[in-house]
N, C-alpha and C. Protein backbone atom coordinates (compact mmCIF):
# COMPACT_ATOMS: atom_id res chain seq x y z
N MET A 1 51.48 216.01 90.46
CA MET A 1 52.30 216.77 90.20
C MET A 1 53.56 215.74 90.38
N ALA A 2 54.55 216.48 89.49
CA ALA A 2 55.84 215.54 89.03
C ALA A 2 56.48 216.38 90.22
N LYS A 3 57.75 215.70 90.59
CA LYS A 3 58.93 215.98 91.13
C LYS A 3 59.64 217.51 90.75
N LYS A 4 59.78 218.70 91.74
CA LYS A 4 60.59 219.94 91.05
C LYS A 4 61.51 219.76 90.66
N SER A 5 62.05 218.54 91.04
CA SER A 5 63.69 218.30 90.21
C SER A 5 63.74 218.04 89.02
N MET A 6 62.68 217.24 88.77
CA MET A 6 62.26 216.48 87.60
C MET A 6 62.07 217.68 85.87
N ILE A 7 61.37 218.86 86.72
CA ILE A 7 60.80 219.89 85.93
C ILE A 7 62.01 220.53 86.03
N ALA A 8 62.75 220.78 86.64
CA ALA A 8 63.84 222.02 86.93
C ALA A 8 64.76 220.94 85.77
N ARG A 9 64.99 220.01 85.75
CA ARG A 9 65.99 219.34 85.33
C ARG A 9 65.96 219.44 83.49
N ASP A 10 64.54 219.45 83.42
CA ASP A 10 63.75 219.33 81.64
C ASP A 10 64.07 220.99 81.41
N VAL A 11 63.79 221.33 82.23
CA VAL A 11 64.21 223.12 81.84
C VAL A 11 65.62 223.42 81.50
N LYS A 12 66.50 222.81 82.30
CA LYS A 12 67.64 222.78 82.31
C LYS A 12 68.39 222.23 80.79
N ARG A 13 67.67 221.02 80.34
CA ARG A 13 68.09 220.48 78.84
C ARG A 13 67.48 221.30 78.06
N LYS A 14 66.17 222.01 78.17
CA LYS A 14 66.04 222.79 76.70
C LYS A 14 66.78 223.85 76.58
N LYS A 15 67.20 224.38 77.86
CA LYS A 15 68.14 225.75 77.59
C LYS A 15 69.64 224.97 76.93
N MET A 16 70.05 223.91 76.91
CA MET A 16 71.27 223.31 76.71
C MET A 16 71.18 223.43 75.16
N VAL A 17 69.90 222.52 74.93
CA VAL A 17 69.44 221.85 73.77
C VAL A 17 69.36 223.54 72.48
N GLU A 18 68.92 224.51 73.31
CA GLU A 18 68.83 225.85 72.40
C GLU A 18 70.34 226.46 72.49
N ARG A 19 71.06 226.48 73.25
CA ARG A 19 72.57 227.12 73.44
C ARG A 19 73.24 226.47 72.48
N PHE A 20 73.14 225.18 72.41
CA PHE A 20 73.98 224.13 71.28
C PHE A 20 73.37 223.88 69.47
N SER A 21 72.06 224.31 69.64
CA SER A 21 71.64 223.61 68.45
C SER A 21 72.11 224.39 66.98
N VAL A 22 72.65 225.54 67.06
CA VAL A 22 73.49 225.86 65.65
C VAL A 22 74.92 224.97 65.79
N LYS A 23 75.63 225.02 66.95
CA LYS A 23 76.73 224.28 66.43
C LYS A 23 76.73 222.68 66.50
N ARG A 24 75.78 222.60 67.30
CA ARG A 24 75.26 220.82 66.71
C ARG A 24 74.88 220.43 65.03
N ALA A 25 73.68 221.41 64.95
CA ALA A 25 73.19 221.80 63.02
C ALA A 25 74.78 221.74 62.07
N ALA A 26 75.54 222.67 62.74
CA ALA A 26 76.39 222.51 61.80
C ALA A 26 77.15 221.56 61.58
N LEU A 27 77.78 220.79 63.04
CA LEU A 27 78.36 219.58 62.58
C LEU A 27 78.02 218.49 62.01
N LYS A 28 76.31 218.32 62.01
CA LYS A 28 75.81 217.34 61.41
C LYS A 28 75.77 217.88 60.20
N ALA A 29 75.60 219.02 59.18
CA ALA A 29 75.77 219.32 58.17
C ALA A 29 76.99 218.65 57.57
N ALA A 30 78.27 219.13 58.39
CA ALA A 30 79.67 218.66 58.11
C ALA A 30 79.58 217.16 57.86
N PHE A 31 79.23 216.85 58.82
CA PHE A 31 79.11 215.32 58.73
C PHE A 31 78.51 214.60 57.88
N GLU A 32 77.64 215.12 57.13
CA GLU A 32 76.45 214.74 55.66
C GLU A 32 77.13 215.14 54.44
N ALA A 33 78.22 215.86 54.42
CA ALA A 33 78.69 216.56 53.68
C ALA A 33 80.42 215.98 53.52
N ALA A 34 81.05 215.46 54.33
CA ALA A 34 82.61 214.88 54.50
C ALA A 34 81.83 213.69 53.49
N ALA A 35 83.66 213.12 52.46
CA ALA A 35 82.77 212.07 51.92
C ALA A 35 84.34 211.38 52.81
N ASP A 36 85.34 211.96 52.78
CA ASP A 36 86.48 211.02 53.66
C ASP A 36 86.03 210.02 54.95
N PRO A 37 86.20 209.20 55.23
CA PRO A 37 85.78 208.43 56.33
C PRO A 37 86.62 208.93 57.50
N MET A 38 87.68 209.22 57.43
CA MET A 38 88.48 210.03 58.48
C MET A 38 87.93 211.03 58.82
N GLU A 39 87.53 212.25 57.83
CA GLU A 39 87.11 213.38 58.19
C GLU A 39 85.47 213.17 58.81
N ARG A 40 85.05 211.83 58.56
CA ARG A 40 83.55 211.96 58.78
C ARG A 40 83.86 211.54 60.67
N LEU A 41 84.71 210.54 60.78
CA LEU A 41 85.03 210.34 61.97
C LEU A 41 85.59 211.07 63.11
N GLU A 42 86.25 211.96 62.57
CA GLU A 42 86.91 213.47 63.29
C GLU A 42 85.85 214.26 63.43
N ILE A 43 84.59 213.98 62.45
CA ILE A 43 83.01 215.21 62.76
C ILE A 43 82.61 214.57 64.09
N HIS A 44 82.20 212.79 63.86
CA HIS A 44 81.75 212.16 64.58
C HIS A 44 82.45 212.90 65.95
N ARG A 45 83.45 212.31 65.93
CA ARG A 45 84.08 212.86 67.56
C ARG A 45 83.78 213.58 68.40
N LYS A 46 83.67 214.73 67.36
CA LYS A 46 83.41 216.41 68.05
C LYS A 46 81.55 216.70 68.30
N ILE A 47 81.31 215.67 67.64
CA ILE A 47 79.55 215.80 68.18
C ILE A 47 79.43 215.21 69.19
N GLN A 48 80.30 213.84 69.24
CA GLN A 48 80.34 213.32 70.88
C GLN A 48 81.14 214.13 72.23
N SER A 49 81.73 214.88 71.60
CA SER A 49 82.59 215.78 72.95
C SER A 49 81.55 216.89 73.11
N LEU A 50 80.37 217.17 72.48
CA LEU A 50 78.88 217.84 72.74
C LEU A 50 78.41 217.42 74.38
N PRO A 51 78.02 218.32 75.14
CA PRO A 51 77.48 217.46 76.16
C PRO A 51 76.45 216.83 75.96
N ARG A 52 75.92 215.55 76.74
CA ARG A 52 75.00 215.12 76.65
C ARG A 52 73.65 215.74 76.34
N ASN A 53 73.03 216.31 77.48
CA ASN A 53 72.06 217.20 77.30
C ASN A 53 71.87 218.07 76.50
N SER A 54 72.65 218.30 75.21
CA SER A 54 72.69 219.32 74.31
C SER A 54 71.93 218.86 72.91
N ALA A 55 71.84 217.55 73.13
CA ALA A 55 70.81 216.59 72.43
C ALA A 55 69.54 216.96 72.53
N PRO A 56 68.61 217.39 71.43
CA PRO A 56 67.40 217.74 71.19
C PRO A 56 66.55 215.95 71.65
N ASN A 57 66.91 215.25 71.31
CA ASN A 57 65.99 213.56 72.15
C ASN A 57 66.17 213.35 73.73
N ARG A 58 66.68 214.13 74.33
CA ARG A 58 67.27 213.64 75.45
C ARG A 58 65.84 215.18 76.35
N VAL A 59 65.22 215.77 75.66
CA VAL A 59 64.04 216.84 76.46
C VAL A 59 62.93 215.82 76.16
N ARG A 60 61.98 216.12 77.47
CA ARG A 60 60.81 215.08 77.75
C ARG A 60 59.64 216.17 77.09
N ASN A 61 58.64 215.81 76.66
CA ASN A 61 57.38 216.72 76.69
C ASN A 61 56.67 216.55 78.12
N ARG A 62 56.42 217.46 78.62
CA ARG A 62 55.91 217.79 79.94
C ARG A 62 54.58 218.45 79.92
N CYS A 63 53.57 218.44 80.66
CA CYS A 63 52.39 219.05 81.00
C CYS A 63 52.69 220.49 81.41
N TRP A 64 52.34 221.18 80.99
CA TRP A 64 52.86 222.89 81.59
C TRP A 64 51.90 223.16 82.85
N ALA A 65 50.68 222.37 83.05
CA ALA A 65 50.43 222.80 84.23
C ALA A 65 50.32 222.08 85.66
N THR A 66 50.92 220.89 85.03
CA THR A 66 51.27 219.74 86.21
C THR A 66 52.66 219.15 86.27
N GLY A 67 53.58 219.03 85.21
CA GLY A 67 54.58 218.82 84.65
C GLY A 67 54.74 217.27 84.60
N LYS A 68 53.29 216.48 84.42
CA LYS A 68 53.40 214.98 84.21
C LYS A 68 54.09 215.07 83.22
N PRO A 69 55.04 213.79 83.05
CA PRO A 69 55.57 213.72 81.62
C PRO A 69 54.92 212.45 80.78
N ARG A 70 54.26 211.97 80.79
CA ARG A 70 53.21 210.98 80.28
C ARG A 70 51.61 211.39 79.60
N GLY A 71 51.44 211.10 78.83
CA GLY A 71 49.89 211.11 78.27
C GLY A 71 49.91 212.59 77.92
N VAL A 72 50.70 213.24 77.75
CA VAL A 72 50.84 214.84 77.41
C VAL A 72 50.33 214.93 75.45
N TYR A 73 49.26 215.96 74.98
CA TYR A 73 49.16 216.05 73.88
C TYR A 73 49.72 217.38 73.63
N ARG A 74 50.28 217.41 72.00
CA ARG A 74 51.74 218.50 71.97
C ARG A 74 50.56 219.41 71.61
N ASP A 75 49.54 219.54 70.96
CA ASP A 75 48.96 220.66 70.65
C ASP A 75 48.24 221.64 71.54
N PHE A 76 48.31 221.08 72.87
CA PHE A 76 47.69 221.65 74.11
C PHE A 76 49.26 221.66 74.97
N GLY A 77 50.06 221.17 75.14
CA GLY A 77 50.77 220.80 75.90
C GLY A 77 50.39 220.26 77.44
N LEU A 78 49.15 220.06 77.47
CA LEU A 78 48.23 219.73 78.53
C LEU A 78 48.48 217.63 78.55
N CYS A 79 48.39 217.57 80.12
CA CYS A 79 48.57 215.78 80.10
C CYS A 79 46.74 215.52 79.91
N ARG A 80 46.47 214.51 79.89
CA ARG A 80 45.28 214.28 79.26
C ARG A 80 44.13 214.00 80.42
N ASN A 81 44.63 214.16 81.60
CA ASN A 81 43.71 214.50 82.58
C ASN A 81 43.32 216.03 82.90
N GLN A 82 44.11 216.87 82.53
CA GLN A 82 44.70 218.10 82.52
C GLN A 82 43.68 218.90 81.58
N LEU A 83 43.49 218.42 80.16
CA LEU A 83 42.56 218.48 79.01
C LEU A 83 41.33 218.16 79.56
N ARG A 84 41.11 217.01 79.92
CA ARG A 84 39.42 216.48 79.78
C ARG A 84 39.13 217.81 80.84
N ASP A 85 39.75 217.72 81.79
CA ASP A 85 39.34 219.08 83.07
C ASP A 85 38.88 220.24 82.40
N ARG A 86 39.98 220.26 81.74
CA ARG A 86 39.93 222.01 81.09
C ARG A 86 38.92 222.36 79.72
N ALA A 87 38.72 221.15 79.38
CA ALA A 87 37.61 220.55 78.30
C ALA A 87 36.29 220.84 78.96
N HIS A 88 36.24 220.08 79.90
CA HIS A 88 34.98 220.28 80.35
C HIS A 88 34.33 221.88 80.68
N LYS A 89 35.47 222.41 81.24
CA LYS A 89 35.27 223.63 82.06
C LYS A 89 34.82 224.56 80.65
N GLY A 90 35.22 224.61 79.67
CA GLY A 90 35.24 225.55 78.64
C GLY A 90 36.34 226.29 78.23
N GLU A 91 37.70 225.69 78.87
CA GLU A 91 38.91 226.79 79.20
C GLU A 91 39.56 226.71 77.44
N LEU A 92 38.97 225.82 76.75
CA LEU A 92 40.11 225.51 75.56
C LEU A 92 39.29 225.46 74.67
N PRO A 93 39.60 226.69 73.79
CA PRO A 93 38.72 227.20 72.83
C PRO A 93 38.60 226.26 71.64
N GLY A 94 37.03 225.91 71.25
CA GLY A 94 37.42 225.06 69.48
C GLY A 94 37.39 223.69 70.12
N VAL A 95 37.48 223.05 71.29
CA VAL A 95 37.18 221.57 71.89
C VAL A 95 35.73 221.62 72.43
N VAL A 96 35.43 220.50 71.97
CA VAL A 96 34.12 219.89 72.00
C VAL A 96 33.64 218.74 72.37
N LYS A 97 33.04 218.34 73.34
CA LYS A 97 32.47 216.77 73.77
C LYS A 97 31.95 216.02 72.17
N SER A 98 32.76 215.22 71.96
CA SER A 98 31.80 214.27 70.47
C SER A 98 31.03 213.59 71.00
N SER A 99 30.02 213.93 69.60
CA SER A 99 28.61 213.37 70.13
C SER A 99 28.39 212.53 68.81
N TRP A 100 27.97 211.75 68.43
CA TRP A 100 27.48 211.15 67.11
C TRP A 100 26.36 210.30 67.27
């Protein structure tokens, strides 16, 4: 299992991304629409002044069962080990072991 502090940090980042998403999207749209280079520079500075953890690329996909950050399947939100165990137990509907 991942460290609880790392999981908590990621949860905090998700909340911050959600809180600043509207403001960040508005600034990005204004940045794309601006034609004047000085205006673009000013908008870029405003985007940079937002908290670093409010950027969506800072959020890490983690397994909801173990908190592991690597080998996570997006469709299930599970790491590869948990996916395998739960699929063998039949806890994941529609997942069957392949054979050909």
